[in-house]
C-alpha atoms as a PDB file:
ATOM      1  CA  UNK A   1      38.144  22.752 -24.933  1.00  0.00           C
ATOM      2  CA  UNK A   2      35.468  21.130 -22.150  1.00  0.00           C
ATOM      3  CA  UNK A   3      36.095  17.811 -23.643  1.00  0.00           C
ATOM      4  CA  UNK A   4      34.228  18.075 -26.823  1.00  0.00           C
ATOM      5  CA  UNK A   5      35.735  16.925 -29.971  1.00  0.00           C
ATOM      6  CA  UNK A   6      35.442  18.158 -33.650  1.00  0.00           C
ATOM      7  CA  UNK A   7      32.323  15.943 -34.035  1.00  0.00           C
ATOM      8  CA  UNK A   8      30.536  16.921 -31.197  1.00  0.00           C
ATOM      9  CA  UNK A   9      31.300  20.718 -32.123  1.00  0.00           C
ATOM     10  CA  UNK A  10      30.089  20.212 -35.745  1.00  0.00           C
ATOM     11  CA  UNK A  11      26.592  18.858 -34.191  1.00  0.00           C
ATOM     12  CA  UNK A  12      26.337  21.479 -31.784  1.00  0.00           C
ATOM     13  CA  UNK A  13      27.192  24.236 -34.823  1.00  0.00           C
ATOM     14  CA  UNK A  14      24.821  22.695 -37.181  1.00  0.00           C
ATOM     15  CA  UNK A  15      21.861  22.565 -34.562  1.00  0.00           C
ATOM     16  CA  UNK A  16      22.600  26.243 -33.624  1.00  0.00           C
ATOM     17  CA  UNK A  17      22.287  27.048 -37.149  1.00  0.00           C
ATOM     18  CA  UNK A  18      19.014  24.931 -37.805  1.00  0.00           C
ATOM     19  CA  UNK A  19      17.486  26.641 -34.826  1.00  0.00           C
ATOM     20  CA  UNK A  20      18.310  30.126 -35.530  1.00  0.00           C
ATOM     21  CA  UNK A  21      18.942  30.500 -39.213  1.00  0.00           C
ATOM     22  CA  UNK A  22      22.125  31.422 -40.788  1.00  0.00           C
ATOM     23  CA  UNK A  23      21.170  35.263 -41.110  1.00  0.00           C
ATOM     24  CA  UNK A  24      20.384  35.384 -37.252  1.00  0.00           C
ATOM     25  CA  UNK A  25      23.873  33.386 -36.339  1.00  0.00           C
ATOM     26  CA  UNK A  26      25.771  36.821 -36.128  1.00  0.00           C
ATOM     27  CA  UNK A  27      22.901  38.392 -33.721  1.00  0.00           C
ATOM     28  CA  UNK A  28      22.815  35.732 -31.483  1.00  0.00           C
ATOM     29  CA  UNK A  29      26.712  35.703 -31.206  1.00  0.00           C
ATOM     30  CA  UNK A  30      26.858  39.375 -30.518  1.00  0.00           C
ATOM     31  CA  UNK A  31      23.862  39.218 -27.797  1.00  0.00           C
ATOM     32  CA  UNK A  32      26.116  36.121 -26.392  1.00  0.00           C
ATOM     33  CA  UNK A  33      28.623  38.362 -25.943  1.00  0.00           C
ATOM     34  CA  UNK A  34      27.000  41.492 -24.312  1.00  0.00           C
ATOM     35  CA  UNK A  35      25.418  38.885 -21.950  1.00  0.00           C
ATOM     36  CA  UNK A  36      28.648  37.757 -20.804  1.00  0.00           C
ATOM     37  CA  UNK A  37      30.095  41.135 -20.631  1.00  0.00           C
ATOM     38  CA  UNK A  38      27.391  42.434 -18.513  1.00  0.00           C
ATOM     39  CA  UNK A  39      27.537  39.404 -16.096  1.00  0.00           C
ATOM     40  CA  UNK A  40      31.073  39.856 -15.422  1.00  0.00           C
ATOM     41  CA  UNK A  41      30.480  43.602 -14.914  1.00  0.00           C
ATOM     42  CA  UNK A  42      27.754  42.446 -12.398  1.00  0.00           C
ATOM     43  CA  UNK A  43      30.029  40.482 -10.741  1.00  0.00           C
ATOM     44  CA  UNK A  44      32.728  43.150 -10.518  1.00  0.00           C
ATOM     45  CA  UNK A  45      30.291  46.002  -8.857  1.00  0.00           C
ATOM     46  CA  UNK A  46      30.196  46.495  -5.354  1.00  0.00           C
ATOM     47  CA  UNK A  47      26.919  45.578  -3.491  1.00  0.00           C
ATOM     48  CA  UNK A  48      24.037  48.115  -3.561  1.00  0.00           C
ATOM     49  CA  UNK A  49      24.145  50.601  -0.507  1.00  0.00           C
ATOM     50  CA  UNK A  50      20.774  50.322   1.338  1.00  0.00           C
ATOM     51  CA  UNK A  51      19.877  54.046   2.187  1.00  0.00           C
ATOM     52  CA  UNK A  52      16.962  53.064   4.255  1.00  0.00           C
ATOM     53  CA  UNK A  53      17.101  54.981   7.517  1.00  0.00           C
ATOM     54  CA  UNK A  54      17.102  52.364  10.511  1.00  0.00           C
ATOM     55  CA  UNK A  55      13.880  52.414  12.521  1.00  0.00           C
ATOM     56  CA  UNK A  56      11.960  54.461  10.281  1.00  0.00           C
ATOM     57  CA  UNK A  57       8.843  52.020  10.125  1.00  0.00           C
ATOM     58  CA  UNK A  58       8.671  52.490  14.074  1.00  0.00           C
ATOM     59  CA  UNK A  59       8.641  56.312  14.018  1.00  0.00           C
ATOM     60  CA  UNK A  60       6.227  56.152  11.349  1.00  0.00           C
ATOM     61  CA  UNK A  61       3.701  53.753  13.219  1.00  0.00           C
ATOM     62  CA  UNK A  62       4.009  55.910  16.555  1.00  0.00           C
ATOM     63  CA  UNK A  63       3.225  59.077  14.636  1.00  0.00           C
ATOM     64  CA  UNK A  64       0.049  57.503  13.250  1.00  0.00           C
ATOM     65  CA  UNK A  65      -0.936  56.302  16.641  1.00  0.00           C
ATOM     66  CA  UNK A  66      -1.087  60.030  18.525  1.00  0.00           C
END
């Protein structure tokens, strides 16, 4: 798993517990899971469609000159 051994994983887990506290550890995991799910969802969505009419700015400027 990413080339990490048991010792390295324990150091990472201990650091996370010290930084966030044992009570918030579940919240942090849930937030991380939601973030990953939203990221994957965003990757699979099609690009947003641009509905701006072409040449709209040019027509608007001509109307202002008259």
